[in-house]
N, C-alpha and C. Protein backbone atom coordinates (compact mmCIF):
# COMPACT_ATOMS: atom_id res chain seq x y z
N VAL A 1 61.42 -90.42 -95.78
CA VAL A 1 60.49 -89.93 -94.86
C VAL A 1 59.44 -90.83 -94.79
N GLU A 2 58.84 -90.96 -93.58
CA GLU A 2 57.81 -92.06 -93.37
C GLU A 2 56.45 -91.24 -93.57
N LEU A 3 55.61 -92.22 -94.47
CA LEU A 3 54.34 -91.62 -94.75
C LEU A 3 53.45 -91.56 -93.65
N PRO A 4 52.44 -90.82 -93.60
CA PRO A 4 51.57 -90.72 -92.47
C PRO A 4 50.80 -91.93 -92.37
N PRO A 5 50.22 -92.38 -91.21
CA PRO A 5 49.44 -93.60 -91.22
C PRO A 5 48.25 -93.68 -92.04
N GLY A 6 48.09 -94.76 -92.74
CA GLY A 6 46.97 -94.85 -93.63
C GLY A 6 47.11 -94.63 -94.97
N ILE A 7 48.21 -94.07 -95.25
CA ILE A 7 48.44 -93.80 -96.81
C ILE A 7 48.85 -95.17 -97.42
N LEU A 8 48.33 -95.50 -98.34
CA LEU A 8 48.72 -96.88 -98.98
C LEU A 8 49.57 -96.51 -100.15
N SER A 9 50.57 -97.39 -100.48
CA SER A 9 51.36 -97.05 -101.54
C SER A 9 50.60 -97.23 -102.91
N ASN A 10 49.49 -97.97 -103.03
CA ASN A 10 48.83 -98.04 -104.30
C ASN A 10 48.04 -96.86 -104.61
N SER A 11 47.96 -95.82 -103.62
CA SER A 11 47.19 -94.51 -104.12
C SER A 11 48.04 -93.66 -105.04
N TYR A 12 49.27 -93.76 -104.93
CA TYR A 12 50.12 -93.00 -105.88
C TYR A 12 51.26 -93.88 -106.65
N GLN A 13 51.28 -95.04 -106.42
CA GLN A 13 52.16 -96.00 -107.08
C GLN A 13 52.02 -96.08 -108.58
N GLU A 14 50.73 -96.04 -109.08
CA GLU A 14 50.63 -96.05 -110.48
C GLU A 14 51.20 -94.86 -111.27
N PHE A 15 51.07 -93.71 -110.48
CA PHE A 15 51.63 -92.55 -111.04
C PHE A 15 53.12 -92.59 -111.31
N LEU A 16 53.68 -93.09 -110.11
CA LEU A 16 55.13 -93.39 -110.19
C LEU A 16 55.54 -94.31 -111.19
N ASP A 17 54.85 -95.39 -111.29
CA ASP A 17 55.16 -96.36 -112.23
C ASP A 17 55.02 -95.78 -113.82
N HIS A 18 54.28 -94.89 -114.00
CA HIS A 18 54.21 -94.23 -115.38
C HIS A 18 54.93 -92.88 -115.38
N ASN A 19 55.73 -92.67 -114.34
CA ASN A 19 56.58 -91.61 -114.48
C ASN A 19 55.78 -90.16 -114.29
N GLU A 20 54.65 -90.15 -113.88
CA GLU A 20 53.82 -89.01 -113.59
C GLU A 20 54.08 -88.54 -112.19
N LEU A 21 55.24 -87.95 -112.00
CA LEU A 21 55.82 -87.48 -110.68
C LEU A 21 55.05 -86.26 -110.10
N GLY A 22 54.50 -85.41 -110.92
CA GLY A 22 53.78 -84.35 -110.38
C GLY A 22 52.34 -84.76 -109.92
N LEU A 23 51.68 -85.83 -110.52
CA LEU A 23 50.56 -86.52 -110.28
C LEU A 23 50.66 -87.10 -108.85
N ALA A 24 51.80 -88.08 -108.82
CA ALA A 24 52.13 -88.70 -107.55
C ALA A 24 52.21 -87.68 -106.35
N MET A 25 52.88 -86.68 -106.62
CA MET A 25 53.19 -85.69 -105.50
C MET A 25 51.71 -85.03 -105.07
N GLU A 26 50.83 -84.75 -106.02
CA GLU A 26 49.49 -84.33 -105.67
C GLU A 26 48.65 -85.38 -104.89
N ALA A 27 48.77 -86.59 -105.34
CA ALA A 27 48.19 -87.62 -104.58
C ALA A 27 48.61 -87.86 -103.15
N LEU A 28 49.88 -87.66 -102.94
CA LEU A 28 50.55 -87.64 -101.70
C LEU A 28 50.11 -86.60 -100.72
N ALA A 29 49.98 -85.37 -101.46
CA ALA A 29 49.62 -84.18 -100.69
C ALA A 29 48.16 -84.31 -100.23
N GLU A 30 47.32 -84.64 -101.06
CA GLU A 30 45.90 -84.81 -100.84
C GLU A 30 45.76 -85.92 -99.62
N ALA A 31 46.55 -86.92 -99.60
CA ALA A 31 46.56 -87.95 -98.47
C ALA A 31 47.05 -87.35 -97.27
N GLY A 32 48.10 -86.61 -97.49
CA GLY A 32 48.59 -85.86 -96.33
C GLY A 32 47.82 -84.95 -95.66
N ASP A 33 46.84 -84.40 -96.24
CA ASP A 33 45.88 -83.37 -95.81
C ASP A 33 44.85 -84.28 -95.00
N VAL A 34 44.53 -85.30 -95.64
CA VAL A 34 43.39 -86.34 -94.78
C VAL A 34 44.08 -86.76 -93.57
N ARG A 35 45.26 -87.12 -93.60
CA ARG A 35 45.93 -88.10 -92.50
C ARG A 35 46.67 -87.06 -91.70
N VAL A 36 46.74 -85.90 -91.65
CA VAL A 36 47.48 -84.92 -90.94
C VAL A 36 48.93 -85.36 -90.76
N ALA A 37 49.56 -85.10 -91.96
CA ALA A 37 50.96 -85.49 -92.08
C ALA A 37 51.89 -84.41 -91.26
N GLY A 38 53.14 -85.00 -90.95
CA GLY A 38 53.98 -84.28 -89.94
C GLY A 38 54.78 -83.33 -91.00
N ARG A 39 55.67 -82.60 -90.20
CA ARG A 39 56.66 -81.50 -90.78
C ARG A 39 57.41 -82.12 -91.84
N ALA A 40 58.12 -83.30 -91.41
CA ALA A 40 59.06 -84.01 -92.42
C ALA A 40 58.40 -84.41 -93.65
N PHE A 41 57.17 -84.74 -93.66
CA PHE A 41 56.39 -85.11 -94.87
C PHE A 41 56.37 -83.99 -95.71
N TRP A 42 55.88 -82.81 -95.24
CA TRP A 42 55.58 -81.58 -96.17
C TRP A 42 56.87 -81.09 -96.63
N LEU A 43 57.95 -81.19 -95.83
CA LEU A 43 59.23 -80.61 -96.29
C LEU A 43 59.83 -81.39 -97.34
N ALA A 44 59.56 -82.73 -97.18
CA ALA A 44 60.02 -83.69 -98.39
C ALA A 44 59.27 -83.42 -99.73
N LEU A 45 57.94 -83.14 -99.54
CA LEU A 45 57.19 -82.83 -100.76
C LEU A 45 57.66 -81.45 -101.33
N ALA A 46 57.94 -80.55 -100.47
CA ALA A 46 58.58 -79.16 -100.81
C ALA A 46 59.81 -79.46 -101.69
N ASP A 47 60.49 -80.43 -101.20
CA ASP A 47 61.79 -80.55 -101.86
C ASP A 47 61.62 -81.15 -103.30
N ALA A 48 60.72 -82.13 -103.37
CA ALA A 48 60.36 -82.73 -104.66
C ALA A 48 59.69 -81.73 -105.51
N ALA A 49 58.84 -80.90 -105.15
CA ALA A 49 58.36 -79.82 -105.77
C ALA A 49 59.34 -78.71 -106.34
N SER A 50 60.33 -78.58 -105.60
CA SER A 50 61.57 -77.72 -105.95
C SER A 50 62.16 -78.35 -107.10
N GLU A 51 62.50 -79.55 -106.93
CA GLU A 51 63.18 -80.36 -108.00
C GLU A 51 62.51 -80.32 -109.38
N MET A 52 61.22 -80.28 -109.26
CA MET A 52 60.34 -80.23 -110.34
C MET A 52 59.98 -78.80 -110.86
N ASP A 53 60.66 -77.76 -110.08
CA ASP A 53 60.52 -76.36 -110.58
C ASP A 53 58.96 -75.91 -110.39
N MET A 54 58.31 -76.49 -109.30
CA MET A 54 56.91 -76.15 -109.15
C MET A 54 56.76 -75.26 -107.88
N MET A 55 57.21 -73.95 -108.06
CA MET A 55 57.42 -73.08 -106.97
C MET A 55 56.05 -72.79 -106.22
N THR A 56 55.00 -72.84 -106.87
CA THR A 56 53.77 -72.72 -106.01
C THR A 56 53.62 -73.71 -105.12
N GLU A 57 53.75 -75.05 -105.51
CA GLU A 57 53.54 -76.10 -104.70
C GLU A 57 54.63 -76.00 -103.56
N VAL A 58 55.74 -75.34 -103.88
CA VAL A 58 56.86 -75.56 -102.96
C VAL A 58 56.35 -74.64 -101.83
N ARG A 59 55.89 -73.42 -101.97
CA ARG A 59 55.36 -72.45 -100.97
C ARG A 59 54.22 -73.13 -100.24
N ILE A 60 53.45 -73.69 -100.79
CA ILE A 60 52.18 -74.40 -100.24
C ILE A 60 52.58 -75.53 -99.28
N TYR A 61 53.53 -76.39 -99.73
CA TYR A 61 54.05 -77.40 -98.79
C TYR A 61 54.91 -76.91 -97.64
N GLN A 62 55.66 -75.86 -97.98
CA GLN A 62 56.49 -75.29 -96.70
C GLN A 62 55.46 -74.71 -95.78
N ASP A 63 54.44 -74.01 -96.29
CA ASP A 63 53.31 -73.56 -95.30
C ASP A 63 52.78 -74.54 -94.45
N ARG A 64 52.48 -75.71 -95.01
CA ARG A 64 51.81 -76.81 -94.31
C ARG A 64 52.90 -77.31 -93.27
N ALA A 65 54.11 -77.17 -93.63
CA ALA A 65 55.20 -77.77 -92.87
C ALA A 65 55.39 -76.99 -91.43
N ASN A 66 55.14 -75.53 -91.72
CA ASN A 66 55.28 -74.64 -90.73
C ASN A 66 54.02 -73.88 -90.42
N PRO A 67 53.03 -74.51 -89.70
CA PRO A 67 51.67 -73.83 -89.60
C PRO A 67 51.85 -72.68 -88.53
N SER A 68 51.05 -71.82 -88.71
CA SER A 68 51.07 -70.66 -87.81
C SER A 68 50.48 -71.09 -86.34
């Protein structure tokens, strides 16, 4: 999935380097809100949240992927 324009890998890379996947996902979600991420971005985050059994985040990201 392509990241929204303006999201730099260093904004979440340190979390990934230390296997802090939940924090990396949160950093991406915050950046996605600021940069108006597309549907594929939010669905990818929802999939990641599902893999980590973070069901609240799954619902949040799915809602962002399918705005009313």
